[in-house]
Amino acid sequence: MHTKAPLVACLFAIVIATLDVGAADGASVSAAFSPGSASVTLPKMESNHRLYLRASANQATLIRALRVAGVAYSIGQFRVPGPIDSGTEAPLIPLTDAAGRPIVLTPNGTSFGANVSYVMDLKAAPLPNLMELVAVATSENPSPVYVAWVEPPPSSLGVAPGTSIVVEIAPGESTPTSSQFFLNDRSPSPGPTQSPRTDSGRVLNYRPPQELTAGRHSVLVDFKSIGRSEQFSWVFDVGPGPALSVENEPAGSLVVNFLGRLESAPSPDGPFVAVPGATSPHRVSTTEGVLRFFRAVP
């Protein structure tokens, strides 16, 4: 059941190394991202492998990993944490499915030639200030059929009422053969459109005929492959767009309540930057004599 440092080197680099990460047990290859870029090409891995991302960002960031074989398709996601302590090396973050489970990839059945291309699709700004992709060989079998990516992401807040629901099912040991889609415990008719992926996976895309009501919504996908049946479910909250309110506290502070992501600036004209690790409610000291302006963004 599925349940859910700044960049020092400005040169593109390829490094051959051996890492001790998780269950991976072989040689690894890694590549640093060019400054301001979110794409990278790794030498082809001839065996099954795990992907890891060494990254740090000013705020927690969800990154979709796309594998390019003529047409890009999702292979999973990385959840990059917020700022790390100064002097601490950024952690290696494993590629996972949409439920957060690490996955094993395979080069078999592809036509990449000499290299495998990966593209990182950042779902939250700003771009991480350190990014290095690492592929490590493993003797493990590839992951089974799994959900690589969903929209809206699990536990999303402030989702637009007219949003579409997208589910990308990726093949592993086998390929998906059928699927059922449920929104709020009901199978809609007509259901989602289904389209094949270049890797024999499939994409479900459902656009509700009417805007979704405010509040929590649940999605469940039941999909099958040869000799296997899997389910994946998640929830998200539909609400108004980004919102912000401020309350005074007697102890020399303000409380900022917000929906979305919180940004601050020294003037109304900006520049606005993300407030690291901010969650609602966010307390701000008024005794430091520093003028700040806040806004909420999607």
Protein backbone atom coordinates (compact mmCIF):
# COMPACT_ATOMS: atom_id res chain seq x y z
CA MET A 1 0.00 0.00 0.00
CA HIS A 2 1.41 3.34 -0.97
CA THR A 3 0.96 6.08 1.60
CA LYS A 4 1.70 8.44 1.07
CA ALA A 5 26.34 26.57 0.76
CA PRO A 6 26.48 28.63 -1.87
CA LEU A 7 27.79 27.03 -5.06
CA VAL A 8 31.56 27.13 -4.80
CA ALA A 9 32.53 25.50 -8.09
CA CYS A 10 31.35 27.35 -11.20
CA LEU A 11 32.66 24.66 -13.53
CA PHE A 12 30.74 21.60 -14.63
CA ALA A 13 32.45 18.61 -13.05
CA ILE A 14 32.31 14.84 -13.36
CA VAL A 15 33.64 12.86 -10.41
CA ILE A 16 34.15 9.12 -10.09
CA ALA A 17 33.94 7.94 -6.50
CA THR A 18 32.73 5.29 -4.13
CA LEU A 19 29.99 6.19 -1.68
CA ASP A 20 28.47 4.42 1.24
CA VAL A 21 24.85 5.47 1.00
CA GLY A 22 21.91 3.30 1.95
CA ALA A 23 21.76 -0.06 0.28
CA ALA A 24 23.81 1.06 -2.73
CA ASP A 25 26.92 -1.04 -3.03
CA GLY A 26 28.80 -0.05 -6.19
CA ALA A 27 30.75 2.69 -7.95
CA SER A 28 29.14 6.06 -8.36
CA VAL A 29 29.20 8.96 -10.80
CA SER A 30 28.28 12.52 -9.95
CA ALA A 31 27.85 15.83 -11.72
CA ALA A 32 27.53 19.37 -10.40
CA PHE A 33 24.89 21.67 -11.82
CA SER A 34 26.02 24.74 -13.70
CA PRO A 35 25.17 27.97 -11.85
CA GLY A 36 21.59 29.03 -12.49
CA SER A 37 20.78 25.74 -14.21
CA ALA A 38 18.54 22.89 -13.18
CA SER A 39 19.72 20.24 -15.66
CA VAL A 40 22.62 17.82 -15.69
CA THR A 41 23.96 14.89 -17.72
CA LEU A 42 25.51 11.85 -16.09
CA PRO A 43 27.64 9.16 -17.72
CA LYS A 44 25.45 6.16 -18.38
CA MET A 45 25.08 3.70 -15.53
CA GLU A 46 25.29 0.17 -16.88
CA SER A 47 23.60 -1.33 -13.83
CA ASN A 48 20.67 -0.57 -11.59
CA HIS A 49 21.28 2.54 -9.54
CA ARG A 50 19.92 4.92 -6.94
CA LEU A 51 19.91 8.68 -7.42
CA TYR A 52 20.86 11.16 -4.71
CA LEU A 53 20.85 14.94 -4.70
CA ARG A 54 23.28 16.92 -2.57
CA ALA A 55 21.49 20.21 -2.12
CA SER A 56 20.77 23.08 0.19
CA ALA A 57 18.09 25.72 -0.25
CA ASN A 58 16.84 28.78 1.60
CA GLN A 59 13.56 26.98 2.18
CA ALA A 60 12.14 23.50 1.89
CA THR A 61 11.80 22.71 -1.81
CA LEU A 62 10.14 19.92 -3.77
CA ILE A 63 12.05 18.95 -6.91
CA ARG A 64 10.73 16.68 -9.62
CA ALA A 65 13.36 14.56 -11.38
CA LEU A 66 12.80 14.01 -15.10
CA ARG A 67 14.65 11.44 -17.17
CA VAL A 68 15.15 12.41 -20.79
CA ALA A 69 14.83 9.86 -23.58
CA GLY A 70 13.60 11.93 -26.49
CA VAL A 71 10.75 13.09 -24.27
CA ALA A 72 11.21 13.87 -20.58
CA TYR A 73 9.20 11.83 -18.09
CA SER A 74 9.03 11.83 -14.30
CA ILE A 75 11.08 9.28 -12.37
CA GLY A 76 10.45 10.60 -8.86
CA GLN A 77 11.14 13.50 -6.55
CA PHE A 78 13.61 14.98 -4.07
CA ARG A 79 12.49 16.82 -0.94
CA VAL A 80 15.22 19.36 -0.19
CA PRO A 81 15.18 20.64 3.40
CA GLY A 82 15.59 24.26 4.41
CA PRO A 83 18.90 25.93 5.38
CA ILE A 84 21.61 23.77 6.92
CA ASP A 85 23.95 24.84 9.71
CA SER A 86 27.01 26.79 8.63
CA GLY A 87 29.98 24.48 8.17
CA THR A 88 27.78 21.40 7.82
CA GLU A 89 28.01 19.48 4.57
CA ALA A 90 24.75 19.32 2.69
CA PRO A 91 23.14 15.88 2.96
CA LEU A 92 22.61 13.38 0.18
CA ILE A 93 18.85 13.25 -0.43
CA PRO A 94 17.51 10.05 -2.03
CA LEU A 95 15.19 10.06 -5.01
CA THR A 96 11.80 8.81 -3.88
CA ASP A 97 8.39 8.09 -5.25
CA ALA A 98 5.48 10.42 -4.46
CA ALA A 99 4.98 8.58 -1.16
CA GLY A 100 8.56 9.32 -0.03
CA ARG A 101 9.97 5.79 -0.51
CA PRO A 102 13.48 5.53 -2.07
CA ILE A 103 13.44 3.94 -5.51
CA VAL A 104 15.89 1.94 -7.63
CA LEU A 105 16.23 2.81 -11.32
CA THR A 106 17.31 0.61 -14.18
CA PRO A 107 19.03 1.47 -17.51
CA ASN A 108 17.52 -1.57 -19.22
CA GLY A 109 15.07 -1.08 -22.03
CA THR A 110 16.21 2.46 -22.78
CA SER A 111 18.01 3.99 -25.73
CA PHE A 112 20.10 6.69 -24.09
CA GLY A 113 23.34 5.94 -25.94
CA ALA A 114 26.41 7.11 -24.02
CA ASN A 115 24.70 9.26 -21.41
CA VAL A 116 21.62 9.54 -19.26
CA SER A 117 20.16 13.03 -19.04
CA TYR A 118 18.33 14.21 -15.94
CA VAL A 119 16.42 17.46 -15.57
CA MET A 120 15.37 18.91 -12.22
CA ASP A 121 11.99 20.61 -12.23
CA LEU A 122 11.79 22.84 -9.16
CA LYS A 123 8.30 23.26 -7.80
CA ALA A 124 9.27 25.95 -5.29
CA ALA A 125 11.60 28.90 -5.67
CA PRO A 126 14.35 29.87 -5.28
CA LEU A 127 16.85 27.57 -6.96
CA PRO A 128 18.86 25.64 -4.36
CA ASN A 129 22.24 27.26 -3.79
CA LEU A 130 24.08 23.94 -4.03
CA MET A 131 23.15 21.06 -6.31
CA GLU A 132 25.04 17.89 -7.19
CA LEU A 133 23.46 14.75 -8.61
CA VAL A 134 24.93 11.38 -7.63
CA ALA A 135 24.10 8.01 -9.15
CA VAL A 136 25.25 4.95 -7.22
CA ALA A 137 25.25 1.42 -8.61
CA THR A 138 23.29 -1.18 -6.65
CA SER A 139 22.60 -4.89 -6.93
CA GLU A 140 18.98 -4.34 -5.84
CA ASN A 141 16.13 -5.05 -8.21
CA PRO A 142 14.39 -2.05 -9.76
CA SER A 143 11.41 -0.67 -7.88
CA PRO A 144 8.03 -2.08 -8.87
CA VAL A 145 5.39 -0.02 -10.63
CA TYR A 146 5.04 3.15 -8.57
CA VAL A 147 3.59 6.68 -8.59
CA ALA A 148 6.47 9.00 -9.53
CA TRP A 149 4.67 12.35 -9.25
CA VAL A 150 1.29 13.85 -8.47
CA GLU A 151 -0.29 17.28 -8.79
CA PRO A 152 -1.24 18.91 -6.51
CA PRO A 153 1.55 17.55 -4.27
CA PRO A 154 0.50 15.68 -1.12
CA SER A 155 -0.69 17.90 1.75
CA SER A 156 -0.71 21.03 -0.43
CA LEU A 157 -2.43 24.11 0.97
CA GLY A 158 -4.17 26.91 -0.90
CA VAL A 159 -4.69 24.85 -4.09
CA ALA A 160 -6.65 26.73 -6.76
CA PRO A 161 -10.29 25.57 -7.15
CA GLY A 162 -9.86 25.00 -10.88
CA THR A 163 -6.76 22.85 -10.58
CA SER A 164 -6.28 19.65 -12.55
CA ILE A 165 -5.25 16.43 -10.81
CA VAL A 166 -2.32 14.64 -12.44
CA VAL A 167 -0.87 11.24 -11.58
CA GLU A 168 2.26 9.83 -13.26
CA ILE A 169 2.63 6.07 -12.91
CA ALA A 170 6.15 4.81 -13.65
CA PRO A 171 7.18 1.27 -14.59
CA GLY A 172 9.91 -0.63 -12.79
CA GLU A 173 9.99 -4.40 -12.64
CA SER A 174 6.83 -4.42 -14.75
CA THR A 175 4.52 -1.99 -16.52
CA PRO A 176 1.07 -0.74 -15.46
CA THR A 177 -1.83 -2.48 -17.17
CA SER A 178 -4.90 -0.71 -15.74
CA SER A 179 -5.90 1.93 -13.22
CA GLN A 180 -8.92 3.29 -11.35
CA PHE A 181 -9.27 6.87 -10.11
CA PHE A 182 -11.27 8.07 -7.12
CA LEU A 183 -11.86 11.66 -5.98
CA ASN A 184 -13.35 12.00 -2.51
CA ASP A 185 -14.19 8.28 -2.49
CA ARG A 186 -16.11 8.46 -5.78
CA SER A 187 -15.13 7.33 -9.25
CA PRO A 188 -16.05 10.28 -11.51
CA SER A 189 -17.66 9.82 -14.89
CA PRO A 190 -16.16 10.71 -17.22
CA GLY A 191 -12.92 9.84 -15.51
CA PRO A 192 -9.40 11.14 -16.14
CA THR A 193 -7.80 11.04 -19.55
CA GLN A 194 -5.01 8.49 -19.82
CA SER A 195 -1.94 8.81 -22.01
CA PRO A 196 1.11 6.54 -22.34
CA ARG A 197 4.63 7.60 -21.38
CA THR A 198 7.70 6.82 -23.47
CA ASP A 199 8.89 4.38 -20.80
CA SER A 200 5.66 2.33 -20.88
CA GLY A 201 4.22 4.15 -17.91
CA ARG A 202 1.04 6.22 -18.02
CA VAL A 203 -0.30 9.63 -17.07
CA LEU A 204 -3.76 10.24 -15.60
CA ASN A 205 -5.09 13.78 -15.96
CA TYR A 206 -8.40 14.74 -14.40
CA ARG A 207 -9.94 18.19 -14.72
CA PRO A 208 -13.10 18.41 -12.62
CA PRO A 209 -16.12 19.68 -14.60
CA GLN A 210 -16.72 22.22 -11.82
CA GLU A 211 -14.35 24.07 -9.53
CA LEU A 212 -13.46 22.16 -6.38
CA THR A 213 -15.02 23.44 -3.18
CA ALA A 214 -12.86 24.94 -0.44
CA GLY A 215 -11.56 22.41 2.06
CA ARG A 216 -9.81 19.05 2.04
CA HIS A 217 -9.99 16.65 -0.90
CA SER A 218 -8.72 13.09 -1.19
CA VAL A 219 -7.50 11.16 -4.22
CA LEU A 220 -6.96 7.43 -4.53
CA VAL A 221 -5.52 5.61 -7.52
CA ASP A 222 -5.72 1.84 -7.80
CA PHE A 223 -3.37 0.55 -10.47
CA LYS A 224 -2.39 -2.92 -11.59
CA SER A 225 0.48 -4.60 -13.34
CA ILE A 226 1.08 -8.24 -14.16
CA GLY A 227 0.65 -10.15 -10.91
CA ARG A 228 0.52 -7.03 -8.78
CA SER A 229 -2.02 -4.53 -7.50
CA GLU A 230 -1.09 -1.21 -5.83
CA GLN A 231 -2.90 1.77 -4.35
CA PHE A 232 -1.75 5.33 -3.78
CA SER A 233 -3.71 8.00 -1.95
CA TRP A 234 -3.09 11.57 -0.81
CA VAL A 235 -4.94 14.70 0.29
CA PHE A 236 -4.71 18.41 -0.52
CA ASP A 237 -6.57 21.51 0.60
CA VAL A 238 -8.36 23.89 -1.74
CA GLY A 239 -8.47 27.44 -0.45
CA PRO A 240 -8.16 31.06 -1.36
CA GLY A 241 -4.98 32.41 -2.89
CA PRO A 242 -2.05 33.55 -0.77
CA ALA A 243 -3.26 35.46 2.25
CA LEU A 244 -1.57 37.33 5.09
CA SER A 245 -2.62 39.00 8.33
CA VAL A 246 -0.65 40.56 11.20
CA GLU A 247 -1.43 40.60 14.91
CA ASN A 248 0.29 42.68 17.61
CA GLU A 249 1.60 40.96 20.72
CA PRO A 250 2.35 42.81 23.96
CA ALA A 251 5.84 41.32 24.36
CA GLY A 252 7.50 43.32 21.56
CA SER A 253 6.61 41.08 18.65
CA LEU A 254 4.22 40.65 15.76
CA VAL A 255 2.51 37.46 14.67
CA VAL A 256 2.29 36.97 10.90
CA ASN A 257 -0.40 34.52 9.79
CA PHE A 258 -0.15 33.47 6.19
CA LEU A 259 -1.33 31.01 3.56
CA GLY A 260 1.24 30.14 0.92
CA ARG A 261 4.94 31.02 1.38
CA LEU A 262 6.20 33.98 3.40
CA GLU A 263 8.64 36.49 1.88
CA SER A 264 10.14 39.69 3.34
CA ALA A 265 11.88 42.81 2.01
CA PRO A 266 13.38 46.06 3.38
CA SER A 267 10.94 48.17 1.33
CA PRO A 268 7.58 47.69 -0.44
CA ASP A 269 9.43 47.62 -3.78
CA GLY A 270 11.60 44.68 -2.71
CA PRO A 271 13.63 42.74 -3.31
CA PHE A 272 11.52 40.11 -1.56
CA VAL A 273 13.22 36.91 -0.41
CA ALA A 274 11.85 33.81 1.26
CA VAL A 275 11.80 33.80 5.05
CA PRO A 276 13.84 30.66 5.92
CA GLY A 277 11.82 27.97 7.66
CA ALA A 278 8.76 30.18 8.12
CA THR A 279 5.56 28.44 9.09
CA SER A 280 2.29 30.06 10.04
CA PRO A 281 2.01 31.65 12.57
CA HIS A 282 5.42 33.35 12.27
CA ARG A 283 6.66 35.63 15.08
CA VAL A 284 8.72 38.74 14.32
CA SER A 285 10.55 40.81 16.94
CA THR A 286 9.75 44.54 16.94
CA THR A 287 12.59 45.47 19.31
CA GLU A 288 15.45 45.24 16.80
CA GLY A 289 14.62 48.54 15.06
CA VAL A 290 14.68 46.92 11.56
CA LEU A 291 11.86 47.77 9.15
CA ARG A 292 10.59 44.76 7.18
CA PHE A 293 7.74 44.25 4.76
CA PHE A 294 6.08 40.85 4.33
CA ARG A 295 4.02 39.19 1.64
CA ALA A 296 2.54 35.77 0.98
CA VAL A 297 3.08 34.10 -2.39
CA PRO A 298 1.89 30.78 -3.90
